[in-house]
């Protein structure tokens, strides 16, 4: 992970830990996780689509460490 991501992660966790009410902190953690999961899916989809330019899905899969069909699925995940 890059230093920028480490810093951002630390800040997000710190913000969660600053919420004094335990239930509110839990709900905020769940909401943050859902948002991050969706955003990460979008980033991965864009990466897969950009790698596909001029390559087969099998080649993209090899670059990502997955099968070609999985690489294609990843590219459609942000829909």
N, C-alpha and C. Protein backbone atom coordinates (compact mmCIF):
# COMPACT_ATOMS: atom_id res chain seq x y z
N UNK A 1 0.85 -1.17 0.00
CA UNK A 1 0.00 0.00 0.00
C UNK A 1 0.90 1.24 0.00
N UNK A 2 0.43 2.27 -0.66
CA UNK A 2 1.23 3.50 -0.71
C UNK A 2 1.09 4.29 0.58
N UNK A 3 2.01 5.21 0.78
CA UNK A 3 1.97 6.05 1.97
C UNK A 3 0.67 6.86 2.01
N UNK A 4 0.22 7.35 0.87
CA UNK A 4 -1.02 8.13 0.82
C UNK A 4 -2.22 7.29 1.26
N UNK A 5 -2.26 6.03 0.83
CA UNK A 5 -3.35 5.15 1.25
C UNK A 5 -3.26 4.82 2.73
N UNK A 6 -2.06 4.61 3.22
CA UNK A 6 -1.88 4.36 4.66
C UNK A 6 -2.38 5.55 5.48
N UNK A 7 -2.03 6.75 5.04
CA UNK A 7 -2.45 7.96 5.75
C UNK A 7 -3.97 8.10 5.72
N UNK A 8 -4.57 7.88 4.55
CA UNK A 8 -6.02 7.99 4.43
C UNK A 8 -6.73 6.94 5.28
N UNK A 9 -6.21 5.72 5.28
CA UNK A 9 -6.81 4.65 6.07
C UNK A 9 -6.74 4.98 7.56
N UNK A 10 -5.59 5.45 8.00
CA UNK A 10 -5.43 5.83 9.40
C UNK A 10 -6.42 6.94 9.78
N UNK A 11 -6.60 7.91 8.88
CA UNK A 11 -7.53 9.01 9.15
C UNK A 11 -8.97 8.50 9.24
N UNK A 12 -9.35 7.59 8.34
CA UNK A 12 -10.71 7.05 8.36
C UNK A 12 -10.97 6.25 9.64
N UNK A 13 -10.03 5.41 10.01
CA UNK A 13 -10.18 4.62 11.23
C UNK A 13 -10.21 5.54 12.45
N UNK A 14 -9.39 6.56 12.44
CA UNK A 14 -9.40 7.52 13.53
C UNK A 14 -10.74 8.23 13.64
N UNK A 15 -11.32 8.60 12.50
CA UNK A 15 -12.62 9.26 12.50
C UNK A 15 -13.69 8.33 13.06
N UNK A 16 -13.63 7.07 12.71
CA UNK A 16 -14.58 6.11 13.27
C UNK A 16 -14.40 5.99 14.78
N UNK A 17 -13.16 5.89 15.22
CA UNK A 17 -12.88 5.74 16.65
C UNK A 17 -13.24 6.98 17.45
N UNK A 18 -13.36 8.12 16.78
CA UNK A 18 -13.76 9.36 17.46
C UNK A 18 -15.25 9.41 17.77
N UNK A 19 -16.03 8.52 17.18
CA UNK A 19 -17.47 8.49 17.44
C UNK A 19 -17.68 7.82 18.79
N UNK A 20 -18.21 8.58 19.74
CA UNK A 20 -18.30 8.07 21.12
C UNK A 20 -19.40 7.04 21.32
N UNK A 21 -20.51 7.19 20.63
CA UNK A 21 -21.61 6.23 20.79
C UNK A 21 -21.27 4.94 20.04
N UNK A 22 -21.29 3.82 20.76
CA UNK A 22 -20.87 2.54 20.18
C UNK A 22 -21.75 2.12 19.01
N UNK A 23 -23.05 2.28 19.14
CA UNK A 23 -23.96 1.88 18.05
C UNK A 23 -23.74 2.78 16.84
N UNK A 24 -23.62 4.07 17.07
CA UNK A 24 -23.36 5.00 15.97
C UNK A 24 -22.03 4.69 15.29
N UNK A 25 -21.01 4.35 16.10
CA UNK A 25 -19.70 3.99 15.54
C UNK A 25 -19.80 2.74 14.68
N UNK A 26 -20.56 1.74 15.15
CA UNK A 26 -20.76 0.51 14.39
C UNK A 26 -21.47 0.81 13.07
N UNK A 27 -22.54 1.59 13.14
CA UNK A 27 -23.30 1.92 11.92
C UNK A 27 -22.45 2.71 10.94
N UNK A 28 -21.64 3.62 11.46
CA UNK A 28 -20.74 4.39 10.59
C UNK A 28 -19.70 3.47 9.94
N UNK A 29 -19.21 2.50 10.70
CA UNK A 29 -18.23 1.55 10.15
C UNK A 29 -18.86 0.73 9.03
N UNK A 30 -20.10 0.28 9.24
CA UNK A 30 -20.79 -0.49 8.20
C UNK A 30 -21.03 0.36 6.95
N UNK A 31 -21.44 1.60 7.14
CA UNK A 31 -21.69 2.49 6.00
C UNK A 31 -20.40 2.78 5.24
N UNK A 32 -19.32 3.01 5.98
CA UNK A 32 -18.03 3.26 5.35
C UNK A 32 -17.56 2.05 4.57
N UNK A 33 -17.71 0.87 5.14
CA UNK A 33 -17.31 -0.36 4.45
C UNK A 33 -18.09 -0.52 3.15
N UNK A 34 -19.39 -0.30 3.18
CA UNK A 34 -20.21 -0.44 1.97
C UNK A 34 -19.78 0.56 0.91
N UNK A 35 -19.52 1.79 1.33
CA UNK A 35 -19.11 2.80 0.35
C UNK A 35 -17.75 2.47 -0.25
N UNK A 36 -16.81 2.08 0.60
CA UNK A 36 -15.48 1.74 0.10
C UNK A 36 -15.54 0.53 -0.82
N UNK A 37 -16.32 -0.49 -0.44
CA UNK A 37 -16.46 -1.68 -1.30
C UNK A 37 -16.94 -1.28 -2.69
N UNK A 38 -17.95 -0.42 -2.77
CA UNK A 38 -18.48 -0.01 -4.06
C UNK A 38 -17.47 0.81 -4.85
N UNK A 39 -16.78 1.71 -4.18
CA UNK A 39 -15.79 2.54 -4.86
C UNK A 39 -14.62 1.71 -5.37
N UNK A 40 -14.19 0.73 -4.57
CA UNK A 40 -13.09 -0.14 -4.99
C UNK A 40 -13.51 -0.98 -6.20
N UNK A 41 -14.75 -1.47 -6.20
CA UNK A 41 -15.26 -2.21 -7.36
C UNK A 41 -15.19 -1.35 -8.61
N UNK A 42 -15.55 -0.09 -8.48
CA UNK A 42 -15.51 0.82 -9.62
C UNK A 42 -14.09 1.02 -10.13
N UNK A 43 -13.15 1.20 -9.20
CA UNK A 43 -11.76 1.38 -9.60
C UNK A 43 -11.24 0.13 -10.31
N UNK A 44 -11.54 -1.04 -9.74
CA UNK A 44 -11.08 -2.29 -10.35
C UNK A 44 -11.70 -2.49 -11.73
N UNK A 45 -12.96 -2.12 -11.89
CA UNK A 45 -13.62 -2.24 -13.19
C UNK A 45 -12.93 -1.33 -14.22
N UNK A 46 -12.63 -0.12 -13.82
CA UNK A 46 -11.96 0.80 -14.74
C UNK A 46 -10.57 0.31 -15.12
N UNK A 47 -9.86 -0.26 -14.15
CA UNK A 47 -8.53 -0.82 -14.44
C UNK A 47 -8.65 -1.95 -15.45
N UNK A 48 -9.58 -2.87 -15.21
CA UNK A 48 -9.75 -4.00 -16.12
C UNK A 48 -10.11 -3.52 -17.53
N UNK A 49 -11.02 -2.54 -17.61
CA UNK A 49 -11.41 -2.01 -18.92
C UNK A 49 -10.24 -1.35 -19.62
N UNK A 50 -9.42 -0.60 -18.87
CA UNK A 50 -8.29 0.07 -19.50
C UNK A 50 -7.24 -0.94 -19.96
N UNK A 51 -7.05 -2.01 -19.20
CA UNK A 51 -6.09 -3.04 -19.61
C UNK A 51 -6.57 -3.81 -20.84
N UNK A 52 -7.87 -3.89 -21.02
CA UNK A 52 -8.44 -4.64 -22.15
C UNK A 52 -8.14 -3.97 -23.48
N UNK A 53 -7.90 -2.68 -23.47
CA UNK A 53 -7.63 -1.95 -24.70
C UNK A 53 -6.40 -2.55 -25.40
N UNK A 54 -6.65 -3.26 -26.49
CA UNK A 54 -5.57 -3.87 -27.25
C UNK A 54 -5.14 -5.25 -26.76
N UNK A 55 -5.83 -5.77 -25.76
CA UNK A 55 -5.50 -7.10 -25.23
C UNK A 55 -6.75 -7.97 -25.20
N UNK A 56 -6.53 -9.25 -25.10
CA UNK A 56 -7.64 -10.19 -24.89
C UNK A 56 -7.97 -10.23 -23.40
N UNK A 57 -9.16 -10.74 -23.07
CA UNK A 57 -9.50 -10.89 -21.65
C UNK A 57 -8.55 -11.87 -20.98
N UNK A 58 -8.08 -12.87 -21.72
CA UNK A 58 -7.12 -13.82 -21.14
C UNK A 58 -5.83 -13.10 -20.74
N UNK A 59 -5.37 -12.18 -21.59
CA UNK A 59 -4.16 -11.42 -21.28
C UNK A 59 -4.38 -10.51 -20.08
N UNK A 60 -5.55 -9.88 -20.03
CA UNK A 60 -5.88 -9.02 -18.88
C UNK A 60 -5.92 -9.87 -17.61
N UNK A 61 -6.55 -11.03 -17.70
CA UNK A 61 -6.61 -11.92 -16.55
C UNK A 61 -5.24 -12.31 -16.06
N UNK A 62 -4.34 -12.58 -16.98
CA UNK A 62 -2.99 -12.94 -16.60
C UNK A 62 -2.31 -11.79 -15.84
N UNK A 63 -2.51 -10.57 -16.31
CA UNK A 63 -1.93 -9.40 -15.64
C UNK A 63 -2.49 -9.22 -14.23
N UNK A 64 -3.78 -9.53 -14.07
CA UNK A 64 -4.44 -9.34 -12.77
C UNK A 64 -4.37 -10.57 -11.88
N UNK A 65 -3.89 -11.67 -12.41
CA UNK A 65 -3.79 -12.89 -11.61
C UNK A 65 -5.10 -13.64 -11.48
N UNK A 66 -5.97 -13.46 -12.47
CA UNK A 66 -7.27 -14.15 -12.49
C UNK A 66 -7.47 -14.74 -13.88
N UNK A 67 -8.55 -15.47 -14.06
CA UNK A 67 -8.85 -15.99 -15.39
C UNK A 67 -9.35 -14.85 -16.28
N UNK A 68 -9.33 -15.11 -17.57
CA UNK A 68 -9.85 -14.12 -18.51
C UNK A 68 -11.31 -13.82 -18.28
N UNK A 69 -12.10 -14.86 -18.00
CA UNK A 69 -13.53 -14.63 -17.76
C UNK A 69 -13.75 -13.83 -16.48
N UNK A 70 -12.92 -14.05 -15.47
CA UNK A 70 -13.04 -13.27 -14.23
C UNK A 70 -12.65 -11.81 -14.48
N UNK A 71 -11.63 -11.59 -15.29
CA UNK A 71 -11.23 -10.22 -15.63
C UNK A 71 -12.39 -9.49 -16.32
N UNK A 72 -13.08 -10.18 -17.22
CA UNK A 72 -14.22 -9.58 -17.90
C UNK A 72 -15.33 -9.27 -16.90
N UNK A 73 -15.58 -10.20 -15.97
CA UNK A 73 -16.59 -9.95 -14.93
C UNK A 73 -16.23 -8.72 -14.10
N UNK A 74 -14.98 -8.61 -13.74
CA UNK A 74 -14.53 -7.46 -12.95
C UNK A 74 -14.79 -6.17 -13.70
N UNK A 75 -14.58 -6.19 -15.01
CA UNK A 75 -14.79 -4.98 -15.80
C UNK A 75 -16.24 -4.52 -15.80
N UNK A 76 -17.15 -5.43 -15.55
CA UNK A 76 -18.59 -5.10 -15.54
C UNK A 76 -19.12 -4.89 -14.12
N UNK A 77 -18.32 -5.02 -13.11
CA UNK A 77 -18.78 -5.01 -11.72
C UNK A 77 -19.34 -3.67 -11.26
N UNK A 78 -18.95 -2.58 -11.89
CA UNK A 78 -19.38 -1.26 -11.42
C UNK A 78 -20.76 -0.88 -11.93
N UNK A 79 -21.39 -1.72 -12.69
CA UNK A 79 -22.70 -1.40 -13.25
C UNK A 79 -23.75 -1.25 -12.20
